[in-house]
C-alpha atoms as a PDB file:
ATOM      1  CA  MET A   1     -36.795  33.253   2.783  1.00  0.00           C
ATOM      2  CA  ASP A   2     -36.400  30.317   0.380  1.00  0.00           C
ATOM      3  CA  GLN A   3     -38.858  31.878  -2.073  1.00  0.00           C
ATOM      4  CA  SER A   4     -36.830  35.090  -2.051  1.00  0.00           C
ATOM      5  CA  LYS A   5     -33.625  33.150  -2.657  1.00  0.00           C
ATOM      6  CA  ASP A   6     -35.288  31.159  -5.449  1.00  0.00           C
ATOM      7  CA  SER A   7     -36.578  34.402  -6.971  1.00  0.00           C
ATOM      8  CA  ARG A   8     -33.101  35.928  -6.918  1.00  0.00           C
ATOM      9  CA  ILE A   9     -31.612  32.850  -8.569  1.00  0.00           C
ATOM     10  CA  ALA A  10     -34.334  32.901 -11.233  1.00  0.00           C
ATOM     11  CA  LEU A  11     -33.723  36.612 -11.821  1.00  0.00           C
ATOM     12  CA  LYS A  12     -29.959  36.096 -12.177  1.00  0.00           C
ATOM     13  CA  ASP A  13     -30.551  33.263 -14.652  1.00  0.00           C
ATOM     14  CA  ALA A  14     -32.989  35.374 -16.661  1.00  0.00           C
ATOM     15  CA  LEU A  15     -30.589  38.337 -16.727  1.00  0.00           C
ATOM     16  CA  ARG A  16     -27.689  36.124 -17.826  1.00  0.00           C
ATOM     17  CA  LYS A  17     -29.806  34.719 -20.655  1.00  0.00           C
ATOM     18  CA  ILE A  18     -30.909  38.181 -21.770  1.00  0.00           C
ATOM     19  CA  GLN A  19     -27.407  39.643 -21.531  1.00  0.00           C
ATOM     20  CA  SER A  20     -25.803  36.775 -23.443  1.00  0.00           C
ATOM     21  CA  GLY A  21     -28.271  37.215 -26.314  1.00  0.00           C
ATOM     22  CA  MET A  22     -28.237  40.998 -26.318  1.00  0.00           C
ATOM     23  CA  ARG A  23     -26.586  42.711 -29.277  1.00  0.00           C
ATOM     24  CA  ILE A  24     -25.791  46.400 -29.085  1.00  0.00           C
ATOM     25  CA  THR A  25     -25.876  48.348 -32.337  1.00  0.00           C
ATOM     26  CA  LYS A  26     -25.250  51.901 -31.168  1.00  0.00           C
ATOM     27  CA  THR A  27     -23.356  53.748 -28.446  1.00  0.00           C
ATOM     28  CA  VAL A  28     -23.885  57.424 -27.641  1.00  0.00           C
ATOM     29  CA  CYS A  29     -21.680  59.576 -25.406  1.00  0.00           C
ATOM     30  CA  THR A  30     -22.078  63.268 -24.657  1.00  0.00           C
ATOM     31  CA  ARG A  31     -19.870  65.527 -22.564  1.00  0.00           C
ATOM     32  CA  SER A  32     -19.761  69.084 -21.405  1.00  0.00           C
ATOM     33  CA  VAL A  33     -16.897  71.072 -19.977  1.00  0.00           C
ATOM     34  CA  LYS A  34     -17.655  74.059 -17.786  1.00  0.00           C
ATOM     35  CA  GLY A  35     -15.346  76.995 -18.287  1.00  0.00           C
ATOM     36  CA  ARG A  36     -15.063  80.656 -17.482  1.00  0.00           C
ATOM     37  CA  TYR A  37     -17.179  81.655 -20.523  1.00  0.00           C
ATOM     38  CA  GLY A  38     -19.835  78.950 -20.319  1.00  0.00           C
ATOM     39  CA  ASP A  39     -20.213  75.314 -21.199  1.00  0.00           C
ATOM     40  CA  THR A  40     -18.759  73.448 -24.169  1.00  0.00           C
ATOM     41  CA  TYR A  41     -20.719  70.415 -25.367  1.00  0.00           C
ATOM     42  CA  VAL A  42     -19.631  67.465 -27.510  1.00  0.00           C
ATOM     43  CA  GLY A  43     -21.674  64.435 -28.505  1.00  0.00           C
ATOM     44  CA  PHE A  44     -20.469  61.304 -30.284  1.00  0.00           C
ATOM     45  CA  SER A  45     -22.564  58.483 -31.663  1.00  0.00           C
ATOM     46  CA  ALA A  46     -21.127  55.243 -32.996  1.00  0.00           C
ATOM     47  CA  ALA A  47     -23.021  52.482 -34.781  1.00  0.00           C
ATOM     48  CA  TRP A  48     -21.981  48.889 -35.336  1.00  0.00           C
ATOM     49  CA  ASP A  49     -23.448  46.959 -38.307  1.00  0.00           C
ATOM     50  CA  THR A  50     -26.824  48.349 -37.363  1.00  0.00           C
ATOM     51  CA  ILE A  51     -30.273  48.328 -38.884  1.00  0.00           C
ATOM     52  CA  GLN A  52     -31.109  51.677 -37.268  1.00  0.00           C
ATOM     53  CA  ASP A  53     -32.046  54.255 -39.881  1.00  0.00           C
ATOM     54  CA  ASP A  54     -30.120  57.013 -38.074  1.00  0.00           C
ATOM     55  CA  ALA A  55     -26.830  55.116 -38.082  1.00  0.00           C
ATOM     56  CA  GLY A  56     -26.087  53.886 -41.557  1.00  0.00           C
ATOM     57  CA  GLY A  57     -28.675  55.646 -43.661  1.00  0.00           C
ATOM     58  CA  GLY A  58     -30.575  54.056 -46.492  1.00  0.00           C
ATOM     59  CA  GLY A  59     -28.331  51.015 -46.761  1.00  0.00           C
ATOM     60  CA  ASP A  60     -29.522  49.767 -43.399  1.00  0.00           C
ATOM     61  CA  MET A  61     -33.163  50.217 -44.332  1.00  0.00           C
ATOM     62  CA  ILE A  62     -32.683  48.405 -47.638  1.00  0.00           C
ATOM     63  CA  SER A  63     -30.829  45.640 -45.844  1.00  0.00           C
ATOM     64  CA  SER A  64     -33.696  45.148 -43.384  1.00  0.00           C
ATOM     65  CA  GLN A  65     -36.220  45.081 -46.227  1.00  0.00           C
ATOM     66  CA  ASP A  66     -34.282  42.274 -47.857  1.00  0.00           C
ATOM     67  CA  GLY A  67     -34.762  40.084 -44.790  1.00  0.00           C
ATOM     68  CA  ASP A  68     -31.320  40.651 -43.289  1.00  0.00           C
ATOM     69  CA  VAL A  69     -32.683  41.762 -39.903  1.00  0.00           C
ATOM     70  CA  VAL A  70     -31.606  38.546 -38.156  1.00  0.00           C
ATOM     71  CA  LEU A  71     -28.134  38.780 -39.695  1.00  0.00           C
ATOM     72  CA  ALA A  72     -27.828  42.432 -38.631  1.00  0.00           C
ATOM     73  CA  HIS A  73     -28.739  41.544 -35.054  1.00  0.00           C
ATOM     74  CA  ARG A  74     -26.147  38.768 -34.975  1.00  0.00           C
ATOM     75  CA  GLN A  75     -23.484  41.209 -36.141  1.00  0.00           C
ATOM     76  CA  GLY A  76     -24.081  43.611 -33.258  1.00  0.00           C
ATOM     77  CA  LEU A  77     -21.749  43.849 -30.303  1.00  0.00           C
ATOM     78  CA  THR A  78     -22.178  41.630 -27.285  1.00  0.00           C
ATOM     79  CA  LEU A  79     -22.919  43.412 -24.028  1.00  0.00           C
ATOM     80  CA  LYS A  80     -19.278  42.999 -22.952  1.00  0.00           C
ATOM     81  CA  GLU A  81     -18.013  44.326 -26.287  1.00  0.00           C
ATOM     82  CA  SER A  82     -20.410  47.248 -26.102  1.00  0.00           C
ATOM     83  CA  ARG A  83     -19.184  48.151 -22.628  1.00  0.00           C
ATOM     84  CA  LEU A  84     -15.646  48.360 -23.998  1.00  0.00           C
ATOM     85  CA  ALA A  85     -16.849  50.261 -27.081  1.00  0.00           C
ATOM     86  CA  SER A  86     -18.657  52.770 -24.873  1.00  0.00           C
ATOM     87  CA  LEU A  87     -15.429  53.388 -22.942  1.00  0.00           C
ATOM     88  CA  VAL A  88     -13.521  53.972 -26.187  1.00  0.00           C
ATOM     89  CA  LEU A  89     -16.199  56.369 -27.429  1.00  0.00           C
ATOM     90  CA  ALA A  90     -16.497  58.146 -24.069  1.00  0.00           C
ATOM     91  CA  LEU A  91     -12.727  58.666 -24.004  1.00  0.00           C
ATOM     92  CA  GLN A  92     -12.920  60.373 -27.386  1.00  0.00           C
ATOM     93  CA  ALA A  93     -15.900  62.495 -26.315  1.00  0.00           C
ATOM     94  CA  ASP A  94     -14.112  63.605 -23.134  1.00  0.00           C
ATOM     95  CA  VAL A  95     -10.887  64.476 -24.960  1.00  0.00           C
ATOM     96  CA  SER A  96     -12.777  66.309 -27.717  1.00  0.00           C
ATOM     97  CA  ALA A  97     -14.861  68.280 -25.228  1.00  0.00           C
ATOM     98  CA  HIS A  98     -11.693  69.510 -23.535  1.00  0.00           C
ATOM     99  CA  ASN A  99     -10.086  70.328 -26.888  1.00  0.00           C
ATOM    100  CA  HIS A 100     -13.176  72.302 -27.900  1.00  0.00           C
ATOM    101  CA  ALA A 101     -13.296  74.092 -24.554  1.00  0.00           C
ATOM    102  CA  MET A 102      -9.646  75.115 -24.908  1.00  0.00           C
ATOM    103  CA  ALA A 103     -10.099  76.172 -28.534  1.00  0.00           C
ATOM    104  CA  GLY A 104     -13.096  78.309 -27.551  1.00  0.00           C
ATOM    105  CA  GLY A 105     -11.174  79.977 -24.737  1.00  0.00           C
ATOM    106  CA  ASN A 106     -13.247  78.359 -21.977  1.00  0.00           C
ATOM    107  CA  ILE A 107     -10.280  76.627 -20.350  1.00  0.00           C
ATOM    108  CA  SER A 108      -6.535  77.160 -20.551  1.00  0.00           C
ATOM    109  CA  GLU A 109      -4.194  74.936 -22.528  1.00  0.00           C
ATOM    110  CA  LYS A 110      -2.587  73.857 -19.241  1.00  0.00           C
ATOM    111  CA  ASP A 111      -5.979  72.824 -17.810  1.00  0.00           C
ATOM    112  CA  ARG A 112      -6.790  70.966 -21.026  1.00  0.00           C
ATOM    113  CA  ASN A 113      -3.470  69.107 -20.996  1.00  0.00           C
ATOM    114  CA  GLU A 114      -3.867  68.096 -17.338  1.00  0.00           C
ATOM    115  CA  ALA A 115      -7.443  66.959 -17.913  1.00  0.00           C
ATOM    116  CA  ILE A 116      -6.576  64.902 -20.991  1.00  0.00           C
ATOM    117  CA  LYS A 117      -3.694  63.193 -19.191  1.00  0.00           C
ATOM    118  CA  ALA A 118      -6.035  62.192 -16.339  1.00  0.00           C
ATOM    119  CA  ILE A 119      -8.815  61.180 -18.742  1.00  0.00           C
ATOM    120  CA  LYS A 120      -6.528  58.862 -20.724  1.00  0.00           C
ATOM    121  CA  ASN A 121      -5.137  57.324 -17.558  1.00  0.00           C
ATOM    122  CA  ASN A 122      -8.583  56.721 -16.051  1.00  0.00           C
ATOM    123  CA  TYR A 123     -10.090  55.249 -19.216  1.00  0.00           C
ATOM    124  CA  THR A 124      -7.089  52.976 -19.715  1.00  0.00           C
ATOM    125  CA  LYS A 125      -7.639  51.583 -16.208  1.00  0.00           C
ATOM    126  CA  LEU A 126     -11.346  51.036 -16.912  1.00  0.00           C
ATOM    127  CA  MET A 127     -10.664  49.360 -20.266  1.00  0.00           C
ATOM    128  CA  LEU A 128      -8.068  47.041 -18.758  1.00  0.00           C
ATOM    129  CA  ALA A 129     -10.502  46.106 -15.979  1.00  0.00           C
ATOM    130  CA  GLU A 130     -13.218  45.432 -18.546  1.00  0.00           C
ATOM    131  CA  MET A 131     -10.882  43.166 -20.515  1.00  0.00           C
ATOM    132  CA  GLU A 132     -10.079  41.169 -17.377  1.00  0.00           C
ATOM    133  CA  LYS A 133     -13.710  40.265 -16.687  1.00  0.00           C
ATOM    134  CA  GLN A 134     -14.220  36.568 -17.242  1.00  0.00           C
ATOM    135  CA  SER A 135     -17.803  36.260 -18.457  1.00  0.00           C
ATOM    136  CA  ASP A 136     -18.912  37.220 -21.948  1.00  0.00           C
ATOM    137  CA  ASN A 137     -22.038  38.893 -20.608  1.00  0.00           C
ATOM    138  CA  GLY A 138     -20.106  41.675 -18.906  1.00  0.00           C
ATOM    139  CA  GLY A 139     -20.163  40.312 -15.384  1.00  0.00           C
ATOM    140  CA  THR A 140     -22.797  39.104 -13.029  1.00  0.00           C
ATOM    141  CA  PRO A 141     -26.130  40.896 -12.667  1.00  0.00           C
ATOM    142  CA  ASN A 142     -25.046  42.111  -9.225  1.00  0.00           C
ATOM    143  CA  GLU A 143     -22.187  44.198 -10.584  1.00  0.00           C
END
């Protein structure tokens, strides 16, 4: 039993160390809305001071060739920041998917308006809860 407890403590410590050093450079959110005429899909991708060649294009590749890889990693989002950023991006993907579905005739304007009201309310609650978390690593590993 003590070995198991020691293992769990070691795991939590390792996860905290990894999470505190982790820098997120890209968030991707996709959504689909099912409607009477099929599905409507929307995908958003957001990059943050990244060295990924699909995010910023050639400038990122040139930057990494000049030895700025360490600097680029430091400029990424912390895990906590990335969790908030993913909520912001997901909110936009959800709203856009419903706008597209309404524009394409898949859902009614009334359904779109009701959905967007609920979406904004729910994401606001999640963002406020995320802001209230105390630790910079986005919470404990057990969350």
